[in-house]
Amino acid sequence: PVWTAGSDGIVYTVVNDNWRTDKALYHKL
């Protein structure tokens, strides 16, 4: 995962049902 500059969230990837990372998501703490 990669942190945002303000340390208030991360950008990350997940695997789908077929074990494929097809999305990048943003999680705000």
Full PDB file with SEQRES, HELIX, SHEET, SSBOND, CRYST1, ORIGX, SCALE, CONECT and MASTER records, all heavy atoms in Angstrom:
SEQRES   1 A   29  PRO VAL TRP THR ALA GLY SER ASP GLY ILE VAL TYR THR          
SEQRES   2 A   29  VAL VAL ASN ASP ASN TRP ARG THR ASP LYS ALA LEU TYR          
SEQRES   3 A   29  HIS LYS LEU                                                  
SHEET    1 AA1 3 VAL A   2  TRP A   3  0                                        
SHEET    2 AA1 3 GLY A   9  VAL A  15 -1                                        
SHEET    3 AA1 3 THR A  21  LYS A  28 -1                                        
CRYST1    1.000    1.000    1.000  90.00  90.00  90.00 P 1           1          
ORIGX1      1.000000  0.000000  0.000000        0.00000                         
ORIGX2      0.000000  1.000000  0.000000        0.00000                         
ORIGX3      0.000000  0.000000  1.000000        0.00000                         
SCALE1      1.000000  0.000000  0.000000        0.00000                         
SCALE2      0.000000  1.000000  0.000000        0.00000                         
SCALE3      0.000000  0.000000  1.000000        0.00000                         
ATOM      1  N   PRO A   1       0.830  -1.211   0.000  1.00  0.00           N  
ATOM      2  CA  PRO A   1       0.000   0.000   0.000  1.00  0.00           C  
ATOM      3  C   PRO A   1       0.860   1.255   0.000  1.00  0.00           C  
ATOM      4  O   PRO A   1       2.028   1.227   0.387  1.00  0.00           O  
ATOM      5  CB  PRO A   1      -0.800  -0.135   1.299  1.00  0.00           C  
ATOM      6  CG  PRO A   1       0.073  -0.950   2.195  1.00  0.00           C  
ATOM      7  CD  PRO A   1       0.816  -1.900   1.297  1.00  0.00           C  
ATOM      8  N   VAL A   2       0.282   2.359  -0.427  1.00  0.00           N  
ATOM      9  CA  VAL A   2       0.976   3.645  -0.491  1.00  0.00           C  
ATOM     10  C   VAL A   2       0.197   4.666   0.333  1.00  0.00           C  
ATOM     11  O   VAL A   2      -1.022   4.798   0.185  1.00  0.00           O  
ATOM     12  CB  VAL A   2       1.107   4.138  -1.948  1.00  0.00           C  
ATOM     13  CG1 VAL A   2       1.716   5.530  -1.994  1.00  0.00           C  
ATOM     14  CG2 VAL A   2       1.948   3.164  -2.764  1.00  0.00           C  
ATOM     15  N   TRP A   3       0.911   5.394   1.187  1.00  0.00           N  
ATOM     16  CA  TRP A   3       0.289   6.421   2.016  1.00  0.00           C  
ATOM     17  C   TRP A   3       0.112   7.717   1.230  1.00  0.00           C  
ATOM     18  O   TRP A   3       0.923   8.064   0.376  1.00  0.00           O  
ATOM     19  CB  TRP A   3       1.142   6.711   3.248  1.00  0.00           C  
ATOM     20  CG  TRP A   3       1.038   5.648   4.297  1.00  0.00           C  
ATOM     21  CD1 TRP A   3       1.835   4.551   4.448  1.00  0.00           C  
ATOM     22  CD2 TRP A   3       0.073   5.597   5.343  1.00  0.00           C  
ATOM     23  NE1 TRP A   3       1.431   3.806   5.526  1.00  0.00           N  
ATOM     24  CE2 TRP A   3       0.345   4.426   6.103  1.00  0.00           C  
ATOM     25  CE3 TRP A   3      -0.997   6.412   5.730  1.00  0.00           C  
ATOM     26  CZ2 TRP A   3      -0.409   4.058   7.211  1.00  0.00           C  
ATOM     27  CZ3 TRP A   3      -1.761   6.045   6.833  1.00  0.00           C  
ATOM     28  CH2 TRP A   3      -1.466   4.880   7.561  1.00  0.00           C  
ATOM     29  N   THR A   4      -0.943   8.442   1.570  1.00  0.00           N  
ATOM     30  CA  THR A   4      -1.113   9.794   1.050  1.00  0.00           C  
ATOM     31  C   THR A   4      -0.163  10.734   1.779  1.00  0.00           C  
ATOM     32  O   THR A   4       0.348  10.423   2.863  1.00  0.00           O  
ATOM     33  CB  THR A   4      -2.552  10.266   1.253  1.00  0.00           C  
ATOM     34  OG1 THR A   4      -2.867  10.227   2.654  1.00  0.00           O  
ATOM     35  CG2 THR A   4      -3.524   9.378   0.493  1.00  0.00           C  
ATOM     36  N   ALA A   5       0.081  11.902   1.189  1.00  0.00           N  
ATOM     37  CA  ALA A   5       1.045  12.840   1.756  1.00  0.00           C  
ATOM     38  C   ALA A   5       0.654  13.294   3.151  1.00  0.00           C  
ATOM     39  O   ALA A   5       1.514  13.566   3.995  1.00  0.00           O  
ATOM     40  CB  ALA A   5       1.191  14.052   0.832  1.00  0.00           C  
ATOM     41  N   GLY A   6      -0.647  13.374   3.431  1.00  0.00           N  
ATOM     42  CA  GLY A   6      -1.099  13.835   4.733  1.00  0.00           C  
ATOM     43  C   GLY A   6      -1.206  12.773   5.791  1.00  0.00           C  
ATOM     44  O   GLY A   6      -1.694  13.049   6.905  1.00  0.00           O  
ATOM     45  N   SER A   7      -0.773  11.545   5.497  1.00  0.00           N  
ATOM     46  CA  SER A   7      -0.818  10.423   6.445  1.00  0.00           C  
ATOM     47  C   SER A   7      -2.244  10.104   6.904  1.00  0.00           C  
ATOM     48  O   SER A   7      -2.441   9.506   7.958  1.00  0.00           O  
ATOM     49  CB  SER A   7       0.051  10.711   7.684  1.00  0.00           C  
ATOM     50  OG  SER A   7       1.392  10.913   7.336  1.00  0.00           O  
ATOM     51  N   ASP A   8      -3.223  10.491   6.097  1.00  0.00           N  
ATOM     52  CA  ASP A   8      -4.612  10.286   6.502  1.00  0.00           C  
ATOM     53  C   ASP A   8      -5.318   9.209   5.696  1.00  0.00           C  
ATOM     54  O   ASP A   8      -6.532   9.014   5.824  1.00  0.00           O  
ATOM     55  CB  ASP A   8      -5.398  11.594   6.409  1.00  0.00           C  
ATOM     56  CG  ASP A   8      -5.341  12.206   5.012  1.00  0.00           C  
ATOM     57  OD1 ASP A   8      -4.610  11.682   4.155  1.00  0.00           O  
ATOM     58  OD2 ASP A   8      -6.036  13.223   4.802  1.00  0.00           O  
ATOM     59  N   GLY A   9      -4.563   8.475   4.858  1.00  0.00           N  
ATOM     60  CA  GLY A   9      -5.182   7.417   4.083  1.00  0.00           C  
ATOM     61  C   GLY A   9      -4.155   6.632   3.289  1.00  0.00           C  
ATOM     62  O   GLY A   9      -2.982   7.019   3.197  1.00  0.00           O  
ATOM     63  N   ILE A  10      -4.601   5.523   2.716  1.00  0.00           N  
ATOM     64  CA  ILE A  10      -3.728   4.684   1.890  1.00  0.00           C  
ATOM     65  C   ILE A  10      -4.421   4.356   0.577  1.00  0.00           C  
ATOM     66  O   ILE A  10      -5.653   4.301   0.488  1.00  0.00           O  
ATOM     67  CB  ILE A  10      -3.327   3.374   2.599  1.00  0.00           C  
ATOM     68  CG1 ILE A  10      -4.562   2.528   2.958  1.00  0.00           C  
ATOM     69  CG2 ILE A  10      -2.477   3.641   3.832  1.00  0.00           C  
ATOM     70  CD1 ILE A  10      -4.242   1.130   3.435  1.00  0.00           C  
ATOM     71  N   VAL A  11      -3.607   4.137  -0.437  1.00  0.00           N  
ATOM     72  CA  VAL A  11      -4.058   3.591  -1.709  1.00  0.00           C  
ATOM     73  C   VAL A  11      -3.559   2.153  -1.766  1.00  0.00           C  
ATOM     74  O   VAL A  11      -2.393   1.877  -1.464  1.00  0.00           O  
ATOM     75  CB  VAL A  11      -3.525   4.417  -2.890  1.00  0.00           C  
ATOM     76  CG1 VAL A  11      -3.965   3.799  -4.211  1.00  0.00           C  
ATOM     77  CG2 VAL A  11      -4.008   5.855  -2.787  1.00  0.00           C  
ATOM     78  N   TYR A  12      -4.445   1.222  -2.127  1.00  0.00           N  
ATOM     79  CA  TYR A  12      -4.097  -0.199  -2.038  1.00  0.00           C  
ATOM     80  C   TYR A  12      -4.819  -0.981  -3.122  1.00  0.00           C  
ATOM     81  O   TYR A  12      -5.725  -0.457  -3.799  1.00  0.00           O  
ATOM     82  CB  TYR A  12      -4.453  -0.747  -0.644  1.00  0.00           C  
ATOM     83  CG  TYR A  12      -5.940  -0.762  -0.333  1.00  0.00           C  
ATOM     84  CD1 TYR A  12      -6.685  -1.937  -0.431  1.00  0.00           C  
ATOM     85  CD2 TYR A  12      -6.609   0.400   0.060  1.00  0.00           C  
ATOM     86  CE1 TYR A  12      -8.040  -1.952  -0.149  1.00  0.00           C  
ATOM     87  CE2 TYR A  12      -7.960   0.400   0.353  1.00  0.00           C  
ATOM     88  CZ  TYR A  12      -8.679  -0.787   0.241  1.00  0.00           C  
ATOM     89  OH  TYR A  12     -10.032  -0.797   0.517  1.00  0.00           O  
ATOM     90  N   THR A  13      -4.420  -2.224  -3.303  1.00  0.00           N  
ATOM     91  CA  THR A  13      -5.058  -3.116  -4.274  1.00  0.00           C  
ATOM     92  C   THR A  13      -5.538  -4.378  -3.575  1.00  0.00           C  
ATOM     93  O   THR A  13      -4.994  -4.790  -2.548  1.00  0.00           O  
ATOM     94  CB  THR A  13      -4.091  -3.505  -5.406  1.00  0.00           C  
ATOM     95  OG1 THR A  13      -2.903  -4.072  -4.836  1.00  0.00           O  
ATOM     96  CG2 THR A  13      -3.714  -2.298  -6.245  1.00  0.00           C  
ATOM     97  N   VAL A  14      -6.567  -4.978  -4.137  1.00  0.00           N  
ATOM     98  CA  VAL A  14      -7.118  -6.230  -3.606  1.00  0.00           C  
ATOM     99  C   VAL A  14      -7.269  -7.227  -4.751  1.00  0.00           C  
ATOM    100  O   VAL A  14      -7.336  -6.847  -5.923  1.00  0.00           O  
ATOM    101  CB  VAL A  14      -8.483  -6.016  -2.919  1.00  0.00           C  
ATOM    102  CG1 VAL A  14      -8.351  -5.143  -1.686  1.00  0.00           C  
ATOM    103  CG2 VAL A  14      -9.503  -5.414  -3.882  1.00  0.00           C  
ATOM    104  N   VAL A  15      -7.326  -8.519  -4.399  1.00  0.00           N  
ATOM    105  CA  VAL A  15      -7.573  -9.549  -5.399  1.00  0.00           C  
ATOM    106  C   VAL A  15      -9.075  -9.815  -5.487  1.00  0.00           C  
ATOM    107  O   VAL A  15      -9.787  -9.772  -4.485  1.00  0.00           O  
ATOM    108  CB  VAL A  15      -6.809 -10.853  -5.077  1.00  0.00           C  
ATOM    109  CG1 VAL A  15      -5.319 -10.644  -5.178  1.00  0.00           C  
ATOM    110  CG2 VAL A  15      -7.174 -11.388  -3.701  1.00  0.00           C  
ATOM    111  N   ASN A  16      -9.533 -10.096  -6.698  1.00  0.00           N  
ATOM    112  CA  ASN A  16     -10.929 -10.478  -6.864  1.00  0.00           C  
ATOM    113  C   ASN A  16     -11.078 -11.978  -6.676  1.00  0.00           C  
ATOM    114  O   ASN A  16     -10.138 -12.665  -6.235  1.00  0.00           O  
ATOM    115  CB  ASN A  16     -11.455 -10.010  -8.226  1.00  0.00           C  
ATOM    116  CG  ASN A  16     -10.675 -10.614  -9.392  1.00  0.00           C  
ATOM    117  OD1 ASN A  16      -9.965 -11.614  -9.256  1.00  0.00           O  
ATOM    118  ND2 ASN A  16     -10.791  -9.987 -10.559  1.00  0.00           N  
ATOM    119  N   ASP A  17     -12.232 -12.521  -7.012  1.00  0.00           N  
ATOM    120  CA  ASP A  17     -12.472 -13.947  -6.791  1.00  0.00           C  
ATOM    121  C   ASP A  17     -11.552 -14.823  -7.621  1.00  0.00           C  
ATOM    122  O   ASP A  17     -11.374 -16.006  -7.313  1.00  0.00           O  
ATOM    123  CB  ASP A  17     -13.942 -14.290  -7.106  1.00  0.00           C  
ATOM    124  CG  ASP A  17     -14.904 -13.697  -6.102  1.00  0.00           C  
ATOM    125  OD1 ASP A  17     -14.449 -13.351  -4.993  1.00  0.00           O  
ATOM    126  OD2 ASP A  17     -16.099 -13.566  -6.422  1.00  0.00           O  
ATOM    127  N   ASN A  18     -10.972 -14.263  -8.655  1.00  0.00           N  
ATOM    128  CA  ASN A  18     -10.074 -15.020  -9.516  1.00  0.00           C  
ATOM    129  C   ASN A  18      -8.611 -14.679  -9.254  1.00  0.00           C  
ATOM    130  O   ASN A  18      -7.765 -14.848 -10.123  1.00  0.00           O  
ATOM    131  CB  ASN A  18     -10.416 -14.760 -10.993  1.00  0.00           C  
ATOM    132  CG  ASN A  18     -10.050 -15.926 -11.877  1.00  0.00           C  
ATOM    133  OD1 ASN A  18     -10.048 -17.071 -11.433  1.00  0.00           O  
ATOM    134  ND2 ASN A  18      -9.732 -15.653 -13.119  1.00  0.00           N  
ATOM    135  N   TRP A  19      -8.325 -14.179  -8.035  1.00  0.00           N  
ATOM    136  CA  TRP A  19      -6.961 -13.853  -7.609  1.00  0.00           C  
ATOM    137  C   TRP A  19      -6.277 -12.927  -8.609  1.00  0.00           C  
ATOM    138  O   TRP A  19      -5.166 -13.147  -9.054  1.00  0.00           O  
ATOM    139  CB  TRP A  19      -6.134 -15.124  -7.398  1.00  0.00           C  
ATOM    140  CG  TRP A  19      -4.907 -14.883  -6.568  1.00  0.00           C  
ATOM    141  CD1 TRP A  19      -4.846 -14.589  -5.239  1.00  0.00           C  
ATOM    142  CD2 TRP A  19      -3.547 -14.884  -7.018  1.00  0.00           C  
ATOM    143  NE1 TRP A  19      -3.544 -14.409  -4.829  1.00  0.00           N  
ATOM    144  CE2 TRP A  19      -2.724 -14.588  -5.904  1.00  0.00           C  
ATOM    145  CE3 TRP A  19      -2.941 -15.098  -8.244  1.00  0.00           C  
ATOM    146  CZ2 TRP A  19      -1.347 -14.518  -5.981  1.00  0.00           C  
ATOM    147  CZ3 TRP A  19      -1.559 -15.026  -8.327  1.00  0.00           C  
ATOM    148  CH2 TRP A  19      -0.774 -14.746  -7.203  1.00  0.00           C  
ATOM    149  N   ARG A  20      -6.981 -11.854  -8.940  1.00  0.00           N  
ATOM    150  CA  ARG A  20      -6.453 -10.868  -9.868  1.00  0.00           C  
ATOM    151  C   ARG A  20      -6.678  -9.484  -9.267  1.00  0.00           C  
ATOM    152  O   ARG A  20      -7.794  -9.149  -8.867  1.00  0.00           O  
ATOM    153  CB  ARG A  20      -7.160 -10.991 -11.214  1.00  0.00           C  
ATOM    154  CG  ARG A  20      -6.809  -9.919 -12.233  1.00  0.00           C  
ATOM    155  CD  ARG A  20      -7.451 -10.231 -13.587  1.00  0.00           C  
ATOM    156  NE  ARG A  20      -7.401  -9.067 -14.470  1.00  0.00           N  
ATOM    157  CZ  ARG A  20      -8.447  -8.315 -14.761  1.00  0.00           C  
ATOM    158  NH1 ARG A  20      -9.642  -8.609 -14.258  1.00  0.00           N  
ATOM    159  NH2 ARG A  20      -8.325  -7.279 -15.569  1.00  0.00           N  
ATOM    160  N   THR A  21      -5.623  -8.703  -9.180  1.00  0.00           N  
ATOM    161  CA  THR A  21      -5.768  -7.339  -8.681  1.00  0.00           C  
ATOM    162  C   THR A  21      -6.237  -6.454  -9.833  1.00  0.00           C  
ATOM    163  O   THR A  21      -5.463  -6.098 -10.715  1.00  0.00           O  
ATOM    164  CB  THR A  21      -4.436  -6.808  -8.110  1.00  0.00           C  
ATOM    165  OG1 THR A  21      -3.411  -6.945  -9.092  1.00  0.00           O  
ATOM    166  CG2 THR A  21      -4.035  -7.573  -6.861  1.00  0.00           C  
ATOM    167  N   ASP A  22      -7.515  -6.109  -9.816  1.00  0.00           N  
ATOM    168  CA  ASP A  22      -8.077  -5.336 -10.919  1.00  0.00           C  
ATOM    169  C   ASP A  22      -8.508  -3.940 -10.503  1.00  0.00           C  
ATOM    170  O   ASP A  22      -9.038  -3.194 -11.326  1.00  0.00           O  
ATOM    171  CB  ASP A  22      -9.262  -6.079 -11.544  1.00  0.00           C  
ATOM    172  CG  ASP A  22     -10.384  -6.355 -10.553  1.00  0.00           C  
ATOM    173  OD1 ASP A  22     -10.192  -6.136  -9.347  1.00  0.00           O  
ATOM    174  OD2 ASP A  22     -11.468  -6.802 -10.991  1.00  0.00           O  
ATOM    175  N   LYS A  23      -8.279  -3.572  -9.237  1.00  0.00           N  
ATOM    176  CA  LYS A  23      -8.710  -2.261  -8.754  1.00  0.00           C  
ATOM    177  C   LYS A  23      -7.648  -1.656  -7.841  1.00  0.00           C  
ATOM    178  O   LYS A  23      -6.956  -2.364  -7.109  1.00  0.00           O  
ATOM    179  CB  LYS A  23     -10.007  -2.364  -7.946  1.00  0.00           C  
ATOM    180  CG  LYS A  23     -11.228  -2.885  -8.677  1.00  0.00           C  
ATOM    181  CD  LYS A  23     -12.428  -2.888  -7.729  1.00  0.00           C  
ATOM    182  CE  LYS A  23     -13.650  -3.508  -8.386  1.00  0.00           C  
ATOM    183  NZ  LYS A  23     -13.463  -4.978  -8.539  1.00  0.00           N  
ATOM    184  N   ALA A  24      -7.563  -0.323  -7.879  1.00  0.00           N  
ATOM    185  CA  ALA A  24      -6.843   0.444  -6.870  1.00  0.00           C  
ATOM    186  C   ALA A  24      -7.873   1.265  -6.108  1.00  0.00           C  
ATOM    187  O   ALA A  24      -8.695   1.961  -6.715  1.00  0.00           O  
ATOM    188  CB  ALA A  24      -5.805   1.358  -7.512  1.00  0.00           C  
ATOM    189  N   LEU A  25      -7.844   1.157  -4.785  1.00  0.00           N  
ATOM    190  CA  LEU A  25      -8.829   1.826  -3.944  1.00  0.00           C  
ATOM    191  C   LEU A  25      -8.146   2.805  -3.000  1.00  0.00           C  
ATOM    192  O   LEU A  25      -6.954   2.677  -2.697  1.00  0.00           O  
ATOM    193  CB  LEU A  25      -9.636   0.803  -3.123  1.00  0.00           C  
ATOM    194  CG  LEU A  25     -10.399  -0.268  -3.899  1.00  0.00           C  
ATOM    195  CD1 LEU A  25      -9.574  -1.542  -3.993  1.00  0.00           C  
ATOM    196  CD2 LEU A  25     -11.737  -0.565  -3.227  1.00  0.00           C  
ATOM    197  N   TYR A  26      -8.927   3.743  -2.512  1.00  0.00           N  
ATOM    198  CA  TYR A  26      -8.430   4.710  -1.533  1.00  0.00           C  
ATOM    199  C   TYR A  26      -9.206   4.531  -0.238  1.00  0.00           C  
ATOM    200  O   TYR A  26     -10.445   4.545  -0.226  1.00  0.00           O  
ATOM    201  CB  TYR A  26      -8.597   6.129  -2.046  1.00  0.00           C  
ATOM    202  CG  TYR A  26      -8.396   7.198  -0.989  1.00  0.00           C  
ATOM    203  CD1 TYR A  26      -7.180   7.305  -0.302  1.00  0.00           C  
ATOM    204  CD2 TYR A  26      -9.412   8.087  -0.659  1.00  0.00           C  
ATOM    205  CE1 TYR A  26      -6.998   8.276   0.677  1.00  0.00           C  
ATOM    206  CE2 TYR A  26      -9.233   9.068   0.312  1.00  0.00           C  
ATOM    207  CZ  TYR A  26      -8.021   9.151   0.976  1.00  0.00           C  
ATOM    208  OH  TYR A  26      -7.842  10.097   1.947  1.00  0.00           O  
ATOM    209  N   HIS A  27      -8.464   4.352   0.860  1.00  0.00           N  
ATOM    210  CA  HIS A  27      -9.098   4.265   2.181  1.00  0.00           C  
ATOM    211  C   HIS A  27      -8.696   5.476   3.019  1.00  0.00           C  
ATOM    212  O   HIS A  27      -7.510   5.671   3.298  1.00  0.00           O  
ATOM    213  CB  HIS A  27      -8.696   2.986   2.916  1.00  0.00           C  
ATOM    214  CG  HIS A  27      -9.253   2.923   4.303  1.00  0.00           C  
ATOM    215  ND1 HIS A  27     -10.588   2.672   4.543  1.00  0.00           N  
ATOM    216  CD2 HIS A  27      -8.673   3.110   5.528  1.00  0.00           C  
ATOM    217  CE1 HIS A  27     -10.808   2.694   5.846  1.00  0.00           C  
ATOM    218  NE2 HIS A  27      -9.672   2.966   6.465  1.00  0.00           N  
ATOM    219  N   LYS A  28      -9.672   6.270   3.392  1.00  0.00           N  
ATOM    220  CA  LYS A  28      -9.435   7.375   4.319  1.00  0.00           C  
ATOM    221  C   LYS A  28      -9.604   6.843   5.733  1.00  0.00           C  
ATOM    222  O   LYS A  28     -10.599   6.186   6.052  1.00  0.00           O  
ATOM    223  CB  LYS A  28     -10.418   8.509   4.066  1.00  0.00           C  
ATOM    224  CG  LYS A  28     -10.156   9.752   4.926  1.00  0.00           C  
ATOM    225  CD  LYS A  28     -11.065  10.898   4.547  1.00  0.00           C  
ATOM    226  CE  LYS A  28     -10.836  12.111   5.439  1.00  0.00           C  
ATOM    227  NZ  LYS A  28      -9.451  12.614   5.371  1.00  0.00           N  
ATOM    228  N   LEU A  29      -8.601   7.084   6.561  1.00  0.00           N  
ATOM    229  CA  LEU A  29      -8.621   6.535   7.911  1.00  0.00           C  
ATOM    230  C   LEU A  29      -9.898   6.929   8.642  1.00  0.00           C  
ATOM    231  O   LEU A  29     -10.363   8.073   8.549  1.00  0.00           O  
ATOM    232  CB  LEU A  29      -7.400   7.010   8.691  1.00  0.00           C  
ATOM    233  CG  LEU A  29      -6.022   6.622   8.138  1.00  0.00           C  
ATOM    234  CD1 LEU A  29      -4.920   7.057   9.096  1.00  0.00           C  
ATOM    235  CD2 LEU A  29      -5.928   5.131   7.868  1.00  0.00           C  
TER     236      LEU A  29                                                      
MASTER        0    0    0    0    3    0    0    6  235    1    0    3          
END                                                                             
